[in-house]
Amino acid sequence: MDETKTIKDIDDLINKYDAMKKRDLMDLSSDQDLTIAIMNLIGIEEHLFFTGAKTGKNEYFDLINEVRNIRKELLQKIVV
């Protein structure tokens, strides 16, 4: 998996979301979708933690930090 491409894709998604929000093209369901996406990221974090603990591979724990950073960015979008 190409980390740079993934981060760029996420940044593009966030920028599109912000642009739509500024033009009032967002409705309540968009915020609900974002909330569901954040909940899914929490589930991914949990899965990576337990998989890392079970297998003893540190790569899973490294991925947790990446997912957590994505989740923090998206949480800021809800709060703002």
N, C-alpha and C. Protein backbone atom coordinates (compact mmCIF):
# COMPACT_ATOMS: atom_id res chain seq x y z
N MET A 1 0.84 -1.17 0.00
CA MET A 1 0.00 0.00 0.00
C MET A 1 0.89 1.23 0.00
N ASP A 2 0.60 2.17 -0.86
CA ASP A 2 1.38 3.40 -0.98
C ASP A 2 0.82 4.42 0.00
N GLU A 3 1.59 4.70 1.07
CA GLU A 3 1.16 5.61 2.12
C GLU A 3 0.87 7.01 1.59
N THR A 4 1.72 7.51 0.72
CA THR A 4 1.57 8.86 0.19
C THR A 4 0.28 8.99 -0.60
N LYS A 5 -0.03 7.98 -1.41
CA LYS A 5 -1.26 8.01 -2.20
C LYS A 5 -2.48 7.98 -1.29
N THR A 6 -2.44 7.16 -0.25
CA THR A 6 -3.56 7.06 0.69
C THR A 6 -3.79 8.39 1.38
N ILE A 7 -2.74 9.02 1.86
CA ILE A 7 -2.86 10.30 2.54
C ILE A 7 -3.38 11.36 1.58
N LYS A 8 -2.90 11.35 0.32
CA LYS A 8 -3.37 12.31 -0.68
C LYS A 8 -4.85 12.09 -0.95
N ASP A 9 -5.29 10.83 -1.06
CA ASP A 9 -6.70 10.54 -1.29
C ASP A 9 -7.57 11.05 -0.15
N ILE A 10 -7.09 10.87 1.07
CA ILE A 10 -7.85 11.33 2.23
C ILE A 10 -7.91 12.85 2.25
N ASP A 11 -6.79 13.49 1.96
CA ASP A 11 -6.78 14.95 1.90
C ASP A 11 -7.72 15.47 0.82
N ASP A 12 -7.75 14.81 -0.33
CA ASP A 12 -8.66 15.20 -1.40
C ASP A 12 -10.11 15.06 -0.95
N LEU A 13 -10.43 13.97 -0.26
CA LEU A 13 -11.78 13.75 0.24
C LEU A 13 -12.18 14.86 1.22
N ILE A 14 -11.29 15.19 2.12
CA ILE A 14 -11.57 16.24 3.10
C ILE A 14 -11.75 17.59 2.42
N ASN A 15 -10.92 17.89 1.43
CA ASN A 15 -11.04 19.15 0.69
C ASN A 15 -12.37 19.24 -0.05
N LYS A 16 -12.79 18.14 -0.68
CA LYS A 16 -14.08 18.12 -1.37
C LYS A 16 -15.23 18.33 -0.39
N TYR A 17 -15.12 17.69 0.76
CA TYR A 17 -16.14 17.84 1.80
C TYR A 17 -16.23 19.30 2.24
N ASP A 18 -15.08 19.92 2.50
CA ASP A 18 -15.06 21.32 2.92
C ASP A 18 -15.65 22.24 1.85
N ALA A 19 -15.32 21.99 0.59
CA ALA A 19 -15.83 22.82 -0.50
C ALA A 19 -17.35 22.70 -0.60
N MET A 20 -17.86 21.50 -0.47
CA MET A 20 -19.31 21.31 -0.53
C MET A 20 -19.99 21.95 0.66
N LYS A 21 -19.37 21.87 1.81
CA LYS A 21 -19.95 22.46 3.01
C LYS A 21 -20.04 23.98 2.88
N LYS A 22 -19.02 24.59 2.28
CA LYS A 22 -19.01 26.04 2.10
C LYS A 22 -20.09 26.49 1.12
N ARG A 23 -20.42 25.66 0.16
CA ARG A 23 -21.43 26.01 -0.84
C ARG A 23 -22.82 25.59 -0.40
N ASP A 24 -22.95 25.12 0.84
CA ASP A 24 -24.23 24.66 1.40
C ASP A 24 -24.83 23.51 0.61
N LEU A 25 -23.99 22.67 0.03
CA LEU A 25 -24.48 21.49 -0.66
C LEU A 25 -24.56 20.28 0.27
N MET A 26 -24.17 20.50 1.50
CA MET A 26 -24.17 19.40 2.46
C MET A 26 -25.49 19.42 3.22
N ASP A 27 -26.01 18.26 3.50
CA ASP A 27 -27.20 18.16 4.31
C ASP A 27 -26.88 17.35 5.55
N LEU A 28 -27.89 17.10 6.36
CA LEU A 28 -27.68 16.38 7.61
C LEU A 28 -27.12 14.99 7.37
N SER A 29 -27.54 14.35 6.29
CA SER A 29 -27.06 12.99 6.04
C SER A 29 -25.56 12.95 5.79
N SER A 30 -24.99 14.02 5.28
CA SER A 30 -23.54 14.06 5.06
C SER A 30 -22.79 13.99 6.38
N ASP A 31 -23.28 14.73 7.38
CA ASP A 31 -22.66 14.66 8.70
C ASP A 31 -22.87 13.28 9.32
N GLN A 32 -24.02 12.68 9.06
CA GLN A 32 -24.26 11.33 9.56
C GLN A 32 -23.32 10.34 8.89
N ASP A 33 -23.10 10.50 7.60
CA ASP A 33 -22.17 9.62 6.89
C ASP A 33 -20.76 9.76 7.45
N LEU A 34 -20.37 10.99 7.75
CA LEU A 34 -19.05 11.23 8.32
C LEU A 34 -18.93 10.57 9.69
N THR A 35 -20.00 10.63 10.47
CA THR A 35 -20.00 9.99 11.79
C THR A 35 -19.85 8.48 11.66
N ILE A 36 -20.54 7.89 10.70
CA ILE A 36 -20.43 6.44 10.47
C ILE A 36 -19.02 6.09 10.02
N ALA A 37 -18.43 6.93 9.18
CA ALA A 37 -17.06 6.68 8.74
C ALA A 37 -16.10 6.70 9.92
N ILE A 38 -16.31 7.63 10.84
CA ILE A 38 -15.45 7.71 12.03
C ILE A 38 -15.64 6.46 12.89
N MET A 39 -16.87 6.01 13.04
CA MET A 39 -17.10 4.78 13.81
C MET A 39 -16.42 3.59 13.16
N ASN A 40 -16.43 3.54 11.84
CA ASN A 40 -15.74 2.46 11.13
C ASN A 40 -14.23 2.52 11.36
N LEU A 41 -13.68 3.73 11.39
CA LEU A 41 -12.25 3.88 11.66
C LEU A 41 -11.91 3.39 13.07
N ILE A 42 -12.80 3.63 14.02
CA ILE A 42 -12.57 3.13 15.38
C ILE A 42 -12.55 1.60 15.36
N GLY A 43 -13.46 1.00 14.61
CA GLY A 43 -13.48 -0.45 14.48
C GLY A 43 -12.20 -0.98 13.85
N ILE A 44 -11.69 -0.26 12.87
CA ILE A 44 -10.44 -0.66 12.22
C ILE A 44 -9.28 -0.58 13.21
N GLU A 45 -9.27 0.49 14.02
CA GLU A 45 -8.22 0.61 15.04
C GLU A 45 -8.25 -0.58 15.99
N GLU A 46 -9.45 -0.95 16.44
CA GLU A 46 -9.58 -2.10 17.35
C GLU A 46 -9.09 -3.38 16.68
N HIS A 47 -9.49 -3.56 15.45
CA HIS A 47 -9.09 -4.77 14.72
C HIS A 47 -7.57 -4.83 14.58
N LEU A 48 -6.96 -3.72 14.23
CA LEU A 48 -5.50 -3.69 14.09
C LEU A 48 -4.81 -3.97 15.41
N PHE A 49 -5.36 -3.45 16.51
CA PHE A 49 -4.76 -3.69 17.82
C PHE A 49 -4.78 -5.17 18.16
N PHE A 50 -5.95 -5.79 18.03
CA PHE A 50 -6.06 -7.20 18.40
C PHE A 50 -5.27 -8.10 17.45
N THR A 51 -5.23 -7.74 16.17
CA THR A 51 -4.44 -8.52 15.22
C THR A 51 -2.96 -8.39 15.54
N GLY A 52 -2.53 -7.18 15.87
CA GLY A 52 -1.13 -6.98 16.25
C GLY A 52 -0.76 -7.75 17.50
N ALA A 53 -1.66 -7.75 18.48
CA ALA A 53 -1.40 -8.48 19.72
C ALA A 53 -1.36 -9.98 19.48
N LYS A 54 -2.24 -10.45 18.61
CA LYS A 54 -2.31 -11.89 18.34
C LYS A 54 -1.11 -12.38 17.53
N THR A 55 -0.71 -11.59 16.54
CA THR A 55 0.38 -12.03 15.65
C THR A 55 1.75 -11.58 16.12
N GLY A 56 1.79 -10.54 16.95
CA GLY A 56 3.07 -10.01 17.42
C GLY A 56 3.80 -9.18 16.37
N LYS A 57 3.11 -8.82 15.30
CA LYS A 57 3.72 -8.02 14.24
C LYS A 57 3.50 -6.54 14.51
N ASN A 58 4.58 -5.78 14.54
CA ASN A 58 4.51 -4.35 14.85
C ASN A 58 3.89 -3.53 13.72
N GLU A 59 3.81 -4.08 12.51
CA GLU A 59 3.22 -3.32 11.40
C GLU A 59 1.78 -2.92 11.70
N TYR A 60 1.07 -3.80 12.42
CA TYR A 60 -0.32 -3.49 12.74
C TYR A 60 -0.41 -2.29 13.69
N PHE A 61 0.51 -2.23 14.63
CA PHE A 61 0.51 -1.11 15.57
C PHE A 61 0.91 0.20 14.86
N ASP A 62 1.77 0.10 13.87
CA ASP A 62 2.13 1.28 13.09
C ASP A 62 0.92 1.81 12.31
N LEU A 63 0.13 0.89 11.78
CA LEU A 63 -1.07 1.29 11.03
C LEU A 63 -2.10 1.95 11.94
N ILE A 64 -2.13 1.53 13.21
CA ILE A 64 -3.08 2.14 14.15
C ILE A 64 -2.86 3.65 14.21
N ASN A 65 -1.61 4.07 14.27
CA ASN A 65 -1.32 5.50 14.35
C ASN A 65 -1.80 6.24 13.10
N GLU A 66 -1.65 5.63 11.94
CA GLU A 66 -2.12 6.26 10.71
C GLU A 66 -3.64 6.41 10.73
N VAL A 67 -4.33 5.33 11.11
CA VAL A 67 -5.79 5.36 11.15
C VAL A 67 -6.25 6.38 12.20
N ARG A 68 -5.57 6.42 13.32
CA ARG A 68 -5.93 7.37 14.39
C ARG A 68 -5.78 8.81 13.91
N ASN A 69 -4.73 9.10 13.15
CA ASN A 69 -4.55 10.45 12.63
C ASN A 69 -5.65 10.83 11.65
N ILE A 70 -6.06 9.88 10.83
CA ILE A 70 -7.17 10.13 9.90
C ILE A 70 -8.44 10.42 10.69
N ARG A 71 -8.69 9.61 11.73
CA ARG A 71 -9.88 9.78 12.56
C ARG A 71 -9.87 11.15 13.25
N LYS A 72 -8.71 11.58 13.74
CA LYS A 72 -8.62 12.88 14.40
C LYS A 72 -8.96 14.01 13.42
N GLU A 73 -8.48 13.90 12.19
CA GLU A 73 -8.79 14.93 11.19
C GLU A 73 -10.29 14.99 10.91
N LEU A 74 -10.91 13.83 10.79
CA LEU A 74 -12.34 13.80 10.50
C LEU A 74 -13.16 14.27 11.69
N LEU A 75 -12.72 13.95 12.90
CA LEU A 75 -13.42 14.44 14.09
C LEU A 75 -13.39 15.96 14.16
N GLN A 76 -12.30 16.56 13.74
CA GLN A 76 -12.21 18.01 13.72
C GLN A 76 -13.23 18.60 12.76
N LYS A 77 -13.55 17.89 11.69
CA LYS A 77 -14.53 18.38 10.72
C LYS A 77 -15.92 18.41 11.32
N ILE A 78 -16.21 17.47 12.21
CA ILE A 78 -17.53 17.44 12.85
C ILE A 78 -17.64 18.54 13.89
N VAL A 79 -16.58 18.74 14.66
CA VAL A 79 -16.60 19.71 15.74
C VAL A 79 -16.66 21.14 15.22
N VAL A 80 -15.98 21.40 14.12
CA VAL A 80 -15.93 22.76 13.57
C VAL A 80 -17.20 23.12 12.92
